[in-house]
Amino acid sequence: MGRTANGRLGPVLRWLGLTMVVILVLQMAAVLTGVDWADQGTRPQITGPLVAMAPLGFMGLLVALLGSRLDLPEQRQTPLRWLVCVLSALLAIGMIAAVHFSLSVDTAQSPVAQRIQQGHQALSEARTIRLDDKQVRALGEQLAQAGQLAADATAEDKKRAAEQMIDTQITQMDTQLKKLVGQQNRSTNQRLIGGTASAVVLAIAFVLLALTAVL
C-alpha cells in the first residue's frame, strides 16, 4: 500500500517541481529581457527581482528531487537528478552574479545622492551668506524694497529680518537634508539585507542542493 502511494506521489512531485522551475525561468526571462543592458544605472536593479524569485526555483528543484528519490530510491544518479544538479549550479552562479550587481551599485549617482549633494552645497552657501554682514544687509534692503518690512524700518531692523529669514531657510534645508540622508541609509540597508545577504544565502542553498542531487 505504501509503495503504491509512493509510486503515485513520485511522478506528481517531479512534474510539480519541474513546473515551478519552468515558471521561474519564464519570470526570469521577463525580467532580464526588460533590462537595458547598455544603461549601467539600471543593471543592478535586477538583483531584487531575481532574489525574490529564486526561492521558487529552489522549492521546485527540491520537490522534483524528492519525487525522484521516492520514485527511484535505489538509484543514486538519474537524468532528473543530474538536471537538478545542473540547474542548481546555474542558479547558484546567478545568485553570485546578483551579489556582484548589488555591490556594484554606484550610490553616488542615484537621484537621492545627487539631491543630498545639492542640499549640502545650498546649505553651505546659506551659512556663508549668514556670516557675511554685507550680504545680510543687502538682503535686508531687498526685503524693504519688496514691501516686506515697515516703511520706517531701521538698518538694524532690516538686518534682523534678513538674519531671521536666512536662519529659517537654513533650518528648513537642514531638516530636508536629514530626511534625504535617512532615506538613502534605509535604501542602502534594504539593498544589502534584502538583496546582497539574501543572494549569498540562496547561492549557498543552491550549491548544497546541487551536491545533494548527485550524492
Protein backbone atom coordinates (compact mmCIF):
# COMPACT_ATOMS: atom_id res chain seq x y z
CA MET A 1 0.00 0.00 0.00
CA GLY A 2 2.84 2.36 0.95
CA ARG A 3 4.78 1.55 -2.22
CA THR A 4 1.71 2.20 -4.36
CA ALA A 5 1.20 5.56 -2.73
CA ASN A 6 4.87 6.44 -3.22
CA GLY A 7 4.70 5.27 -6.83
CA ARG A 8 1.91 7.72 -7.48
CA LEU A 9 3.36 10.53 -5.42
CA GLY A 10 6.82 10.45 -7.02
CA PRO A 11 5.79 11.40 -10.58
CA VAL A 12 3.41 14.05 -9.24
CA LEU A 13 6.19 15.67 -7.21
CA ARG A 14 8.57 15.53 -10.16
CA TRP A 15 6.17 17.28 -12.50
CA LEU A 16 5.10 19.76 -9.83
CA GLY A 17 8.71 20.69 -9.17
CA LEU A 18 9.57 20.99 -12.86
CA THR A 19 6.50 23.17 -13.40
CA MET A 20 7.72 25.55 -10.68
CA VAL A 21 11.13 25.67 -12.37
CA VAL A 22 9.54 26.49 -15.73
CA ILE A 23 7.58 29.31 -14.11
CA LEU A 24 10.82 30.63 -12.61
CA VAL A 25 12.58 30.53 -15.99
CA LEU A 26 9.74 32.44 -17.64
CA GLN A 27 9.71 35.09 -14.92
CA MET A 28 13.48 35.48 -15.03
CA ALA A 29 13.37 35.80 -18.82
CA ALA A 30 10.75 38.53 -18.50
CA VAL A 31 12.96 40.45 -16.05
CA LEU A 32 16.20 40.06 -18.00
CA THR A 33 14.69 40.99 -21.36
CA GLY A 34 13.23 44.14 -19.81
CA VAL A 35 16.65 45.45 -18.73
CA ASP A 36 18.53 47.97 -20.84
CA TRP A 37 21.99 46.42 -20.56
CA ALA A 38 23.58 49.49 -22.12
CA ASP A 39 22.38 51.57 -19.18
CA GLN A 40 24.75 50.92 -16.28
CA GLY A 41 22.37 52.59 -13.83
CA THR A 42 19.54 50.10 -14.32
CA ARG A 43 21.50 46.86 -14.35
CA PRO A 44 21.84 46.47 -10.54
CA GLN A 45 18.06 46.82 -10.20
CA ILE A 46 17.63 43.23 -11.38
CA THR A 47 19.07 41.96 -8.08
CA GLY A 48 15.83 42.44 -6.15
CA PRO A 49 13.54 40.64 -8.62
CA LEU A 50 15.99 37.76 -9.13
CA VAL A 51 16.46 37.21 -5.40
CA ALA A 52 12.70 37.40 -4.85
CA MET A 53 12.05 34.73 -7.50
CA ALA A 54 14.94 32.40 -6.63
CA PRO A 55 13.17 30.63 -3.71
CA LEU A 56 10.53 29.45 -6.20
CA GLY A 57 13.26 27.73 -8.21
CA PHE A 58 14.81 26.26 -5.06
CA MET A 59 11.49 24.79 -3.94
CA GLY A 60 10.75 23.49 -7.42
CA LEU A 61 14.10 21.72 -7.70
CA LEU A 62 13.79 20.35 -4.16
CA VAL A 63 10.29 18.98 -4.84
CA ALA A 64 11.46 17.40 -8.12
CA LEU A 65 14.41 15.83 -6.29
CA LEU A 66 12.15 14.45 -3.57
CA GLY A 67 9.87 13.00 -6.23
CA SER A 68 12.85 11.32 -7.86
CA ARG A 69 14.02 9.91 -4.53
CA LEU A 70 10.57 8.50 -3.83
CA ASP A 71 10.15 7.08 -7.32
CA LEU A 72 13.63 5.57 -7.70
CA PRO A 73 15.08 5.23 -4.18
CA GLU A 74 17.58 2.56 -5.21
CA GLN A 75 19.25 4.69 -7.90
CA ARG A 76 21.68 7.34 -6.74
CA GLN A 77 22.05 9.15 -10.07
CA THR A 78 19.37 9.64 -12.70
CA PRO A 79 18.95 12.11 -15.58
CA LEU A 80 16.49 14.12 -13.48
CA ARG A 81 18.92 14.34 -10.57
CA TRP A 82 21.68 15.49 -12.87
CA LEU A 83 19.26 18.07 -14.27
CA VAL A 84 18.53 19.28 -10.74
CA CYS A 85 22.27 19.44 -10.08
CA VAL A 86 22.99 21.48 -13.22
CA LEU A 87 20.08 23.88 -12.72
CA SER A 88 21.00 24.37 -9.07
CA ALA A 89 24.58 25.15 -10.07
CA LEU A 90 23.39 27.66 -12.67
CA LEU A 91 21.10 29.35 -10.17
CA ALA A 92 23.96 29.47 -7.66
CA ILE A 93 26.05 31.26 -10.27
CA GLY A 94 23.12 33.57 -10.93
CA MET A 95 22.94 34.46 -7.23
CA ILE A 96 26.67 35.19 -7.19
CA ALA A 97 26.16 37.49 -10.17
CA ALA A 98 23.28 39.14 -8.29
CA VAL A 99 25.65 39.81 -5.39
CA HIS A 100 28.09 41.42 -7.82
CA PHE A 101 25.37 43.62 -9.28
CA SER A 102 24.19 44.62 -5.81
CA LEU A 103 27.67 45.56 -4.63
CA SER A 104 28.44 47.44 -7.84
CA VAL A 105 25.61 49.93 -7.37
CA ASP A 106 27.01 53.45 -7.63
CA THR A 107 25.00 55.17 -4.91
CA ALA A 108 26.76 58.46 -5.66
CA GLN A 109 24.92 58.61 -8.99
CA SER A 110 21.45 57.93 -7.59
CA PRO A 111 18.85 60.74 -7.65
CA VAL A 112 18.72 60.83 -3.84
CA ALA A 113 22.52 61.10 -3.58
CA GLN A 114 22.54 63.94 -6.09
CA ARG A 115 19.83 65.77 -4.14
CA ILE A 116 21.86 65.29 -0.95
CA GLN A 117 24.93 66.75 -2.63
CA GLN A 118 22.93 69.71 -3.90
CA GLY A 119 21.43 70.15 -0.43
CA HIS A 120 24.87 70.24 1.20
CA GLN A 121 26.01 72.83 -1.31
CA ALA A 122 22.93 75.02 -0.83
CA LEU A 123 23.22 74.74 2.96
CA SER A 124 26.89 75.71 2.84
CA GLU A 125 26.11 78.73 0.68
CA ALA A 126 23.31 79.84 3.01
CA ARG A 127 25.59 79.62 6.04
CA THR A 128 28.27 81.59 4.20
CA ILE A 129 25.77 84.34 3.43
CA ARG A 130 24.62 84.33 7.07
CA LEU A 131 28.16 85.10 8.22
CA ASP A 132 28.66 87.83 5.63
CA ASP A 133 27.38 91.07 7.18
CA LYS A 134 27.44 92.88 3.83
CA GLN A 135 25.23 90.29 2.11
CA VAL A 136 22.88 90.17 5.08
CA ARG A 137 22.36 93.93 4.97
CA ALA A 138 21.87 93.79 1.20
CA LEU A 139 19.17 91.17 1.68
CA GLY A 140 17.54 93.37 4.31
CA GLU A 141 17.40 96.22 1.83
CA GLN A 142 15.81 93.92 -0.75
CA LEU A 143 13.15 92.91 1.77
CA ALA A 144 12.41 96.55 2.50
CA GLN A 145 12.17 97.42 -1.19
CA ALA A 146 9.83 94.47 -1.73
CA GLY A 147 7.49 95.89 0.92
CA GLN A 148 8.01 93.05 3.36
CA LEU A 149 9.16 95.43 6.10
CA ALA A 150 7.65 98.54 7.63
CA ALA A 151 8.37 101.79 5.82
CA ASP A 152 10.13 103.22 8.85
CA ALA A 153 12.31 100.12 9.41
CA THR A 154 15.81 100.98 10.55
CA ALA A 155 19.00 99.45 9.22
CA GLU A 156 19.14 97.16 12.22
CA ASP A 157 15.51 96.10 11.66
CA LYS A 158 16.34 95.23 8.07
CA LYS A 159 19.41 93.29 9.12
CA ARG A 160 17.48 91.41 11.81
CA ALA A 161 14.72 90.49 9.34
CA ALA A 162 17.28 89.24 6.85
CA GLU A 163 19.01 87.18 9.55
CA GLN A 164 15.72 85.62 10.62
CA MET A 165 14.87 84.78 7.03
CA ILE A 166 18.25 83.13 6.42
CA ASP A 167 18.08 81.23 9.71
CA THR A 168 14.64 79.90 8.78
CA GLN A 169 15.89 78.76 5.39
CA ILE A 170 18.92 77.09 6.96
CA THR A 171 16.70 75.20 9.41
CA GLN A 172 14.39 74.04 6.63
CA MET A 173 17.26 72.94 4.40
CA ASP A 174 18.95 71.11 7.28
CA THR A 175 15.71 69.26 8.11
CA GLN A 176 15.16 68.28 4.48
CA LEU A 177 18.77 67.15 4.17
CA LYS A 178 18.47 64.90 7.21
CA LYS A 179 15.35 63.31 5.71
CA LEU A 180 17.17 62.62 2.45
CA VAL A 181 20.15 61.10 4.26
CA GLY A 182 17.82 58.86 6.28
CA GLN A 183 16.06 57.79 3.09
CA GLN A 184 19.38 56.92 1.47
CA ASN A 185 20.51 54.93 4.52
CA ARG A 186 17.27 52.95 4.60
CA SER A 187 17.57 52.21 0.89
CA THR A 188 21.17 51.05 1.32
CA ASN A 189 20.28 48.79 4.26
CA GLN A 190 17.34 47.33 2.36
CA ARG A 191 19.55 46.60 -0.63
CA LEU A 192 22.25 44.97 1.48
CA ILE A 193 19.90 42.85 3.59
CA GLY A 194 17.18 42.07 1.08
CA GLY A 195 19.46 41.80 -1.92
CA THR A 196 23.09 41.02 -1.15
CA ALA A 197 22.68 38.94 2.02
CA SER A 198 19.71 37.01 0.64
CA ALA A 199 21.58 36.29 -2.59
CA VAL A 200 24.55 34.91 -0.64
CA VAL A 201 22.30 32.60 1.41
CA LEU A 202 20.48 31.43 -1.72
CA ALA A 203 23.78 30.77 -3.52
CA ILE A 204 24.88 28.52 -0.64
CA ALA A 205 21.48 26.78 -0.63
CA PHE A 206 21.67 26.06 -4.37
CA VAL A 207 25.20 24.67 -4.04
CA LEU A 208 24.06 22.34 -1.27
CA LEU A 209 21.06 21.28 -3.35
CA ALA A 210 23.31 20.56 -6.34
CA LEU A 211 25.52 18.35 -4.20
CA THR A 212 22.54 16.61 -2.62
CA ALA A 213 21.14 15.77 -6.03
CA VAL A 214 24.11 13.63 -7.07
CA LEU A 215 25.45 12.32 -3.77
